[in-house]
Amino acid sequence: MRRPLAALALALAALFGCRAPPASGPAAPAGDGPSAETVAVPAAVETEVGSELIDADDPALWADPRNPARALVLKTDKSRGLYVHGIDGRRRQFLPDGPINNVDVRDGFAVAGRALVLVVGGERERYGLMTWLLDPDSLEVRPYGFIPLPGDFGEPYGSCLGRVDGRMLVAVNNKDGAIQLWEIVDRGGQPQASLLYQMKLDSQTEGCVIDDAQRLLYVGEENRGIWRFDLARPSDPPVRIAAADDRVLVADVEGVTILRDGARRFLIASSQGDSSFAVWRLDNGTAVFQGRFRVAGGAIDPVTQTDGVDAWSGPIGPFPEGAIAVHDHCDGPGSEDPPEAVCDSDEKQQNVKIVDWREVKRALAIR
């Protein structure tokens, strides 16, 4: 039987610094099930860019559960800070809070007796976590505080939030494959973090996502694939559920996210090596491959050299069944194949494209 995460708190100190050797898991082989052929799905919205260069990396979606039409897209600039856009793509805010790599959000973070939305991103210059608070009434994002990481951890490369057993958790990883899990609470209007435990993979990691209800952490190891950690049994070795096999996943493996569709859960990962996205249905501890798609076609330019990806489950803005936000390395001129001169230039812009989940289901024949 799984013990609740809270019951493990007294035992976690013994795990600090321990490494569980990676295990080969019961992942569905790349050749099973649907074809690995990549289908095209059009973007419905893209975030606007201005005159300044934008060194984007990772998006996060949020919708007000009281009125999902009130929705936002957050986008990191890994050189300068955090952008906030409406679900229509229009820019609302820019917060110049340092070079931010990954970003994630979770509702229900208590500050002074009020439930706000916690926003967390890895800060690459001071080597820590930058936090913000999103006010669900005003839709404004404001700085909350900086959380330094231990000096020997180095640059935080990937990070993701989860709310597990009522606790707000953030996982952070680095280029050496080290992974730490922290709990964040409010103390007098400032964020306070405590280290719960740490894990390890063999090489560079980045994208990650916490499955709150299942108490699971999925981490992308860029050149090897996607691993699953059981947060209720943190000493168990991780299980690789998908390999970077140059067929389903083409290295680098970048963003990783989960979309819930009714009772079903889907894992989505960005395959930067060929600018595509792989989809699995999570079913009783296994990942069942559903297919691959790329973002192209329609009036919006295609996605190239994609990095971060995020999904919203259920209604958000004009998308009644959910949406997927993806990073685009080169906001091109709107053609199927942007000219190399545009995408290779230092003057390029980067933005986020938003895809209707219904279009992905239709393209991959997910019933």
Protein backbone atom coordinates (compact mmCIF):
# COMPACT_ATOMS: atom_id res chain seq x y z
CA MET A 1 0.00 0.00 0.00
CA ARG A 2 1.21 3.51 -0.75
CA ARG A 3 1.86 5.67 2.25
CA PRO A 4 0.73 9.33 1.96
CA LEU A 5 3.56 11.70 1.12
CA ALA A 6 3.13 13.49 4.44
CA ALA A 7 3.81 10.27 6.33
CA LEU A 8 7.21 10.04 4.68
CA ALA A 9 8.51 13.33 6.03
CA LEU A 10 10.44 11.75 8.93
CA ALA A 11 12.10 9.25 6.63
CA LEU A 12 13.12 11.65 3.87
CA ALA A 13 16.31 12.88 5.51
CA ALA A 14 17.81 9.45 5.10
CA LEU A 15 17.33 9.73 1.36
CA PHE A 16 19.26 12.98 0.86
CA GLY A 17 22.10 12.36 -1.49
CA CYS A 18 20.95 8.82 -2.22
CA ARG A 19 20.68 7.70 -5.78
CA ALA A 20 18.28 5.08 -7.02
CA PRO A 21 19.66 3.38 -10.12
CA PRO A 22 17.45 3.85 -13.19
CA ALA A 23 15.38 0.83 -14.11
CA SER A 24 14.06 -0.30 -17.44
CA GLY A 25 10.31 -0.18 -17.19
CA PRO A 26 7.28 -1.75 -18.82
CA ALA A 27 6.99 1.05 -21.37
CA ALA A 28 5.20 0.31 -24.61
CA PRO A 29 7.84 -0.25 -27.31
CA ALA A 30 8.00 2.39 -30.02
CA GLY A 31 6.80 -0.09 -32.62
CA ASP A 32 3.61 -1.05 -30.78
CA GLY A 33 0.24 0.52 -31.49
CA PRO A 34 -0.18 3.54 -33.76
CA SER A 35 2.32 4.50 -36.41
CA ALA A 36 5.10 6.92 -35.52
CA GLU A 37 4.26 8.93 -38.63
CA THR A 38 3.88 12.61 -37.76
CA VAL A 39 0.64 14.41 -38.63
CA ALA A 40 0.16 18.18 -38.92
CA VAL A 41 -2.11 20.11 -36.55
CA PRO A 42 -2.67 23.88 -36.98
CA ALA A 43 -2.14 26.44 -34.26
CA ALA A 44 -5.23 28.42 -33.31
CA VAL A 45 -3.50 31.32 -31.51
CA GLU A 46 0.02 32.68 -31.14
CA THR A 47 1.43 35.15 -28.65
CA GLU A 48 2.27 38.54 -30.08
CA VAL A 49 5.84 39.81 -30.26
CA GLY A 50 7.00 43.39 -30.15
CA SER A 51 10.15 45.10 -31.35
CA GLU A 52 12.37 43.57 -28.66
CA LEU A 53 14.02 40.19 -29.20
CA ILE A 54 12.43 37.40 -27.17
CA ASP A 55 14.54 34.44 -26.09
CA ALA A 56 11.57 32.27 -25.15
CA ASP A 57 11.70 28.77 -23.70
CA ASP A 58 8.69 27.46 -21.79
CA PRO A 59 4.95 28.28 -21.56
CA ALA A 60 2.29 27.75 -18.89
CA LEU A 61 -1.48 27.96 -19.25
CA TRP A 62 -4.02 29.01 -16.62
CA ALA A 63 -7.81 29.47 -16.64
CA ASP A 64 -10.11 30.76 -13.92
CA PRO A 65 -12.16 27.75 -12.74
CA ARG A 66 -15.06 30.14 -12.04
CA ASN A 67 -15.02 31.42 -15.63
CA PRO A 68 -12.61 29.61 -17.99
CA ALA A 69 -12.95 32.40 -20.55
CA ARG A 70 -10.65 34.39 -18.24
CA ALA A 71 -7.38 32.73 -19.14
CA LEU A 72 -3.69 33.51 -19.45
CA VAL A 73 -0.56 32.27 -21.19
CA LEU A 74 2.74 32.74 -19.37
CA LYS A 75 5.99 32.61 -21.32
CA THR A 76 9.58 32.68 -20.10
CA ASP A 77 12.36 34.76 -21.59
CA LYS A 78 15.49 32.87 -20.58
CA SER A 79 17.54 36.04 -20.93
CA ARG A 80 15.30 38.59 -19.20
CA GLY A 81 12.13 37.56 -17.35
CA LEU A 82 8.50 36.48 -17.65
CA TYR A 83 5.79 37.52 -20.13
CA VAL A 84 2.05 37.31 -19.42
CA HIS A 85 -0.39 37.13 -22.35
CA GLY A 86 -4.12 36.79 -22.63
CA ILE A 87 -5.51 33.61 -24.14
CA ASP A 88 -5.97 35.67 -27.32
CA GLY A 89 -2.17 36.07 -27.49
CA ARG A 90 -2.09 39.76 -26.62
CA ARG A 91 0.65 40.86 -24.25
CA ARG A 92 -0.52 41.99 -20.79
CA GLN A 93 2.64 42.17 -18.67
CA PHE A 94 6.39 41.74 -18.68
CA LEU A 95 8.21 41.10 -15.40
CA PRO A 96 11.99 41.68 -15.74
CA ASP A 97 12.92 39.29 -12.94
CA GLY A 98 16.00 37.62 -14.37
CA PRO A 99 16.71 34.87 -16.89
CA ILE A 100 13.86 32.37 -16.39
CA ASN A 101 14.08 28.94 -18.01
CA ASN A 102 10.95 26.92 -17.14
CA VAL A 103 7.66 28.11 -15.60
CA ASP A 104 4.67 26.39 -14.01
CA VAL A 105 1.50 27.36 -12.11
CA ARG A 106 -0.82 25.87 -9.48
CA ASP A 107 -4.05 27.16 -7.95
CA GLY A 108 -4.93 27.21 -4.28
CA PHE A 109 -1.78 28.67 -2.72
CA ALA A 110 -2.73 30.28 0.60
CA VAL A 111 -1.33 33.74 1.34
CA ALA A 112 -2.79 35.74 4.25
CA GLY A 113 -5.89 33.58 4.22
CA ARG A 114 -6.52 34.04 0.50
CA ALA A 115 -6.19 31.43 -2.25
CA LEU A 116 -3.92 32.73 -5.01
CA VAL A 117 -2.15 31.10 -7.96
CA LEU A 118 1.52 30.29 -7.38
CA VAL A 119 3.88 30.79 -10.33
CA VAL A 120 7.43 29.39 -10.15
CA GLY A 121 10.33 29.56 -12.60
CA GLY A 122 13.97 28.48 -12.53
CA GLU A 123 16.26 31.54 -12.32
CA ARG A 124 19.50 30.83 -14.19
CA GLU A 125 21.69 33.70 -12.98
CA ARG A 126 21.28 33.58 -9.20
CA TYR A 127 20.74 29.79 -9.23
CA GLY A 128 17.37 29.54 -7.55
CA LEU A 129 13.61 29.69 -7.99
CA MET A 130 11.79 32.94 -8.75
CA THR A 131 8.18 33.03 -7.57
CA TRP A 132 5.19 35.19 -8.44
CA LEU A 133 1.55 35.36 -7.34
CA LEU A 134 -1.30 35.50 -9.86
CA ASP A 135 -4.42 37.21 -8.54
CA PRO A 136 -7.41 35.31 -9.98
CA ASP A 137 -9.65 38.36 -9.58
CA SER A 138 -7.51 40.96 -11.37
CA LEU A 139 -5.49 38.53 -13.53
CA GLU A 140 -2.38 40.47 -12.50
CA VAL A 141 0.91 38.75 -11.76
CA ARG A 142 3.27 40.26 -9.17
CA PRO A 143 6.67 39.21 -7.83
CA TYR A 144 6.51 37.14 -4.64
CA GLY A 145 10.08 36.23 -3.73
CA PHE A 146 13.31 34.44 -4.61
CA ILE A 147 14.27 31.01 -3.25
CA PRO A 148 18.00 30.21 -3.45
CA LEU A 149 19.02 26.63 -4.16
CA PRO A 150 22.00 24.94 -2.45
CA GLY A 151 25.29 26.20 -3.83
CA ASP A 152 26.40 22.81 -5.09
CA PHE A 153 23.22 22.29 -7.16
CA GLY A 154 24.26 24.76 -9.84
CA GLU A 155 21.98 26.17 -12.51
CA PRO A 156 18.33 25.10 -12.30
CA TYR A 157 17.43 23.88 -15.76
CA GLY A 158 13.93 22.44 -15.46
CA SER A 159 11.19 22.96 -12.87
CA CYS A 160 7.55 22.04 -12.34
CA LEU A 161 4.87 22.45 -9.68
CA GLY A 162 2.45 20.00 -8.08
CA ARG A 163 -0.09 19.95 -5.25
CA VAL A 164 0.15 16.55 -3.61
CA ASP A 165 -1.78 15.61 -0.45
CA GLY A 166 -2.46 19.31 0.14
CA ARG A 167 1.22 20.30 -0.09
CA MET A 168 2.61 22.64 -2.75
CA LEU A 169 5.65 20.93 -4.26
CA VAL A 170 8.21 22.06 -6.82
CA ALA A 171 10.62 19.71 -8.59
CA VAL A 172 13.80 21.24 -9.98
CA ASN A 173 16.57 19.59 -11.99
CA ASN A 174 19.94 20.48 -13.53
CA LYS A 175 22.24 19.61 -16.42
CA ASP A 176 23.91 16.82 -14.43
CA GLY A 177 20.65 14.91 -13.94
CA ALA A 178 20.19 15.89 -10.28
CA ILE A 179 16.56 16.34 -9.22
CA GLN A 180 15.32 17.92 -6.00
CA LEU A 181 11.80 18.10 -4.59
CA TRP A 182 10.89 21.05 -2.37
CA GLU A 183 7.76 22.08 -0.47
CA ILE A 184 6.79 25.76 -0.65
CA VAL A 185 4.67 27.53 1.99
CA ASP A 186 3.92 31.16 2.76
CA ARG A 187 5.55 32.68 5.84
CA GLY A 188 4.48 36.23 6.52
CA GLY A 189 4.01 37.14 2.90
CA GLN A 190 7.23 35.50 1.68
CA PRO A 191 7.84 32.07 0.13
CA GLN A 192 9.64 29.54 2.30
CA ALA A 193 10.93 26.26 0.88
CA SER A 194 12.10 23.07 2.55
CA LEU A 195 13.93 20.27 0.77
CA LEU A 196 12.08 16.96 0.95
CA TYR A 197 14.32 14.64 -1.05
CA GLN A 198 16.54 14.35 -4.09
CA MET A 199 16.87 11.91 -6.97
CA LYS A 200 19.25 11.36 -9.87
CA LEU A 201 19.35 10.46 -13.54
CA ASP A 202 22.51 9.86 -15.54
CA SER A 203 22.60 12.93 -17.79
CA GLN A 204 21.04 16.30 -18.61
CA THR A 205 17.39 16.75 -17.66
CA GLU A 206 14.91 19.57 -18.20
CA GLY A 207 11.20 19.08 -18.84
CA CYS A 208 9.14 17.68 -15.98
CA VAL A 209 5.54 17.42 -14.80
CA ILE A 210 3.93 16.27 -11.55
CA ASP A 211 0.78 14.17 -11.74
CA ASP A 212 -0.85 15.47 -8.56
CA ALA A 213 -3.57 12.83 -8.16
CA GLN A 214 -1.31 9.87 -8.92
CA ARG A 215 1.66 11.22 -6.87
CA LEU A 216 4.02 10.73 -9.81
CA LEU A 217 6.83 12.83 -11.27
CA TYR A 218 7.76 12.55 -14.97
CA VAL A 219 11.18 13.88 -16.03
CA GLY A 220 12.66 14.19 -19.50
CA GLU A 221 16.31 13.13 -19.78
CA GLU A 222 17.21 14.93 -22.98
CA ASN A 223 19.20 12.22 -24.77
CA ARG A 224 17.66 9.11 -23.19
CA GLY A 225 13.91 9.51 -22.79
CA ILE A 226 11.21 10.05 -20.16
CA TRP A 227 11.34 8.62 -16.61
CA ARG A 228 8.66 8.20 -13.95
CA PHE A 229 9.33 8.62 -10.22
CA ASP A 230 6.85 7.50 -7.55
CA LEU A 231 6.61 10.32 -4.99
CA ALA A 232 4.85 8.04 -2.51
CA ARG A 233 7.85 5.66 -2.63
CA PRO A 234 10.79 7.97 -3.29
CA SER A 235 13.42 5.29 -2.68
CA ASP A 236 12.08 3.16 -5.57
CA PRO A 237 14.19 3.34 -8.75
CA PRO A 238 12.69 5.41 -11.58
CA VAL A 239 11.08 3.67 -14.53
CA ARG A 240 11.78 4.72 -18.09
CA ILE A 241 8.45 4.88 -19.89
CA ALA A 242 9.68 6.16 -23.27
CA ALA A 243 13.10 6.05 -24.93
CA ALA A 244 14.70 8.68 -27.14
CA ASP A 245 14.76 6.23 -30.02
CA ASP A 246 14.90 8.67 -32.99
CA ARG A 247 11.48 7.42 -33.99
CA VAL A 248 8.90 8.40 -31.38
CA LEU A 249 11.22 10.75 -29.51
CA VAL A 250 14.06 12.49 -31.34
CA ALA A 251 16.57 14.05 -28.95
CA ASP A 252 16.53 16.47 -27.36
CA VAL A 253 13.54 15.56 -25.23
CA GLU A 254 12.38 18.95 -23.93
CA GLY A 255 8.99 19.83 -22.41
CA VAL A 256 6.75 17.25 -20.70
CA THR A 257 3.12 17.83 -19.68
CA ILE A 258 -0.11 15.99 -18.80
CA LEU A 259 -3.60 16.65 -20.15
CA ARG A 260 -6.68 15.11 -18.52
CA ASP A 261 -9.58 14.35 -20.85
CA GLY A 262 -12.45 13.12 -18.69
CA ALA A 263 -11.17 10.04 -16.86
CA ARG A 264 -8.24 9.65 -19.26
CA ARG A 265 -4.79 11.16 -18.84
CA PHE A 266 -2.37 11.87 -21.68
CA LEU A 267 1.35 12.53 -21.46
CA ILE A 268 2.69 14.93 -24.11
CA ALA A 269 6.39 15.54 -24.78
CA SER A 270 8.22 17.84 -27.16
CA SER A 271 10.74 16.15 -29.44
CA GLN A 272 13.08 19.00 -30.32
CA GLY A 273 15.18 16.97 -32.75
CA ASP A 274 12.39 17.00 -35.33
CA SER A 275 10.09 19.74 -33.98
CA SER A 276 7.28 17.34 -33.11
CA PHE A 277 5.22 16.16 -30.15
CA ALA A 278 4.56 12.62 -28.95
CA VAL A 279 1.39 11.60 -27.10
CA TRP A 280 0.80 8.63 -24.76
CA ARG A 281 -2.28 7.57 -22.82
CA LEU A 282 -1.36 6.85 -19.20
CA ASP A 283 -3.09 3.63 -18.30
CA ASN A 284 -2.53 1.64 -15.06
CA GLY A 285 1.12 2.55 -14.76
CA THR A 286 1.97 2.17 -18.43
CA ALA A 287 2.30 4.69 -21.24
CA VAL A 288 0.38 3.63 -24.35
CA PHE A 289 1.63 5.44 -27.45
CA GLN A 290 -1.09 7.34 -29.32
CA GLY A 291 0.84 9.09 -32.08
CA ARG A 292 2.90 12.14 -33.02
CA PHE A 293 2.00 15.57 -34.32
CA ARG A 294 3.71 18.75 -35.42
CA VAL A 295 2.23 22.24 -35.33
CA ALA A 296 1.87 23.43 -38.92
CA GLY A 297 -0.73 24.49 -41.45
CA GLY A 298 -3.37 27.17 -41.34
CA ALA A 299 -2.69 30.89 -41.15
CA ILE A 300 -0.07 30.71 -38.36
CA ASP A 301 3.56 29.81 -39.09
CA PRO A 302 4.79 26.31 -38.12
CA VAL A 303 6.61 25.49 -34.91
CA THR A 304 10.34 24.82 -35.25
CA GLN A 305 13.02 23.68 -32.77
CA THR A 306 10.33 23.41 -30.13
CA ASP A 307 11.28 23.53 -26.46
CA GLY A 308 8.73 23.77 -23.64
CA VAL A 309 5.14 22.49 -23.78
CA ASP A 310 2.20 22.83 -21.39
CA ALA A 311 -1.40 21.61 -21.42
CA TRP A 312 -4.60 22.76 -19.78
CA SER A 313 -7.25 20.16 -18.97
CA GLY A 314 -10.84 21.16 -19.62
CA PRO A 315 -12.27 24.49 -20.79
CA ILE A 316 -9.85 27.38 -21.31
CA GLY A 317 -10.71 30.46 -23.36
CA PRO A 318 -12.23 29.37 -26.69
CA PHE A 319 -11.10 25.75 -26.24
CA PRO A 320 -13.88 23.73 -24.54
CA GLU A 321 -11.92 20.48 -24.13
CA GLY A 322 -8.46 21.82 -23.36
CA ALA A 323 -5.46 23.33 -25.09
CA ILE A 324 -1.73 22.78 -25.58
CA ALA A 325 0.80 25.63 -25.56
CA VAL A 326 4.14 25.05 -27.30
CA HIS A 327 7.33 27.07 -27.69
CA ASP A 328 8.33 28.15 -31.20
CA HIS A 329 12.01 28.93 -31.73
CA CYS A 330 11.34 31.08 -34.78
CA ASP A 331 8.21 33.12 -35.32
CA GLY A 332 8.41 33.01 -39.10
CA PRO A 333 6.55 34.72 -41.90
CA GLY A 334 3.57 32.35 -41.92
CA SER A 335 4.81 29.84 -44.49
CA GLU A 336 5.02 26.06 -44.17
CA ASP A 337 8.82 26.22 -44.21
CA PRO A 338 10.23 29.48 -42.81
CA PRO A 339 13.27 30.70 -44.78
CA GLU A 340 16.56 29.60 -43.23
CA ALA A 341 17.73 33.24 -43.23
CA VAL A 342 14.89 34.10 -40.83
CA CYS A 343 15.28 31.19 -38.44
CA ASP A 344 19.07 31.22 -38.31
CA SER A 345 19.35 34.96 -37.76
CA ASP A 346 20.14 36.43 -34.36
CA GLU A 347 17.29 38.85 -35.05
CA LYS A 348 14.61 36.15 -34.86
CA GLN A 349 11.63 36.33 -32.53
CA GLN A 350 10.37 33.43 -30.42
CA ASN A 351 6.82 32.97 -29.21
CA VAL A 352 4.16 30.47 -28.10
CA LYS A 353 1.59 28.75 -30.28
CA ILE A 354 -1.68 27.39 -28.81
CA VAL A 355 -3.31 24.27 -30.23
CA ASP A 356 -6.89 23.09 -29.68
CA TRP A 357 -6.84 19.65 -28.03
CA ARG A 358 -9.79 18.63 -30.20
CA GLU A 359 -7.61 19.08 -33.29
CA VAL A 360 -4.95 16.79 -31.82
CA LYS A 361 -7.51 14.13 -30.95
CA ARG A 362 -8.96 14.33 -34.44
CA ALA A 363 -5.56 14.10 -36.13
CA LEU A 364 -4.42 11.14 -33.99
CA ALA A 365 -7.83 9.38 -34.09
CA ILE A 366 -8.13 9.46 -30.28
CA ARG A 367 -11.72 8.51 -29.54
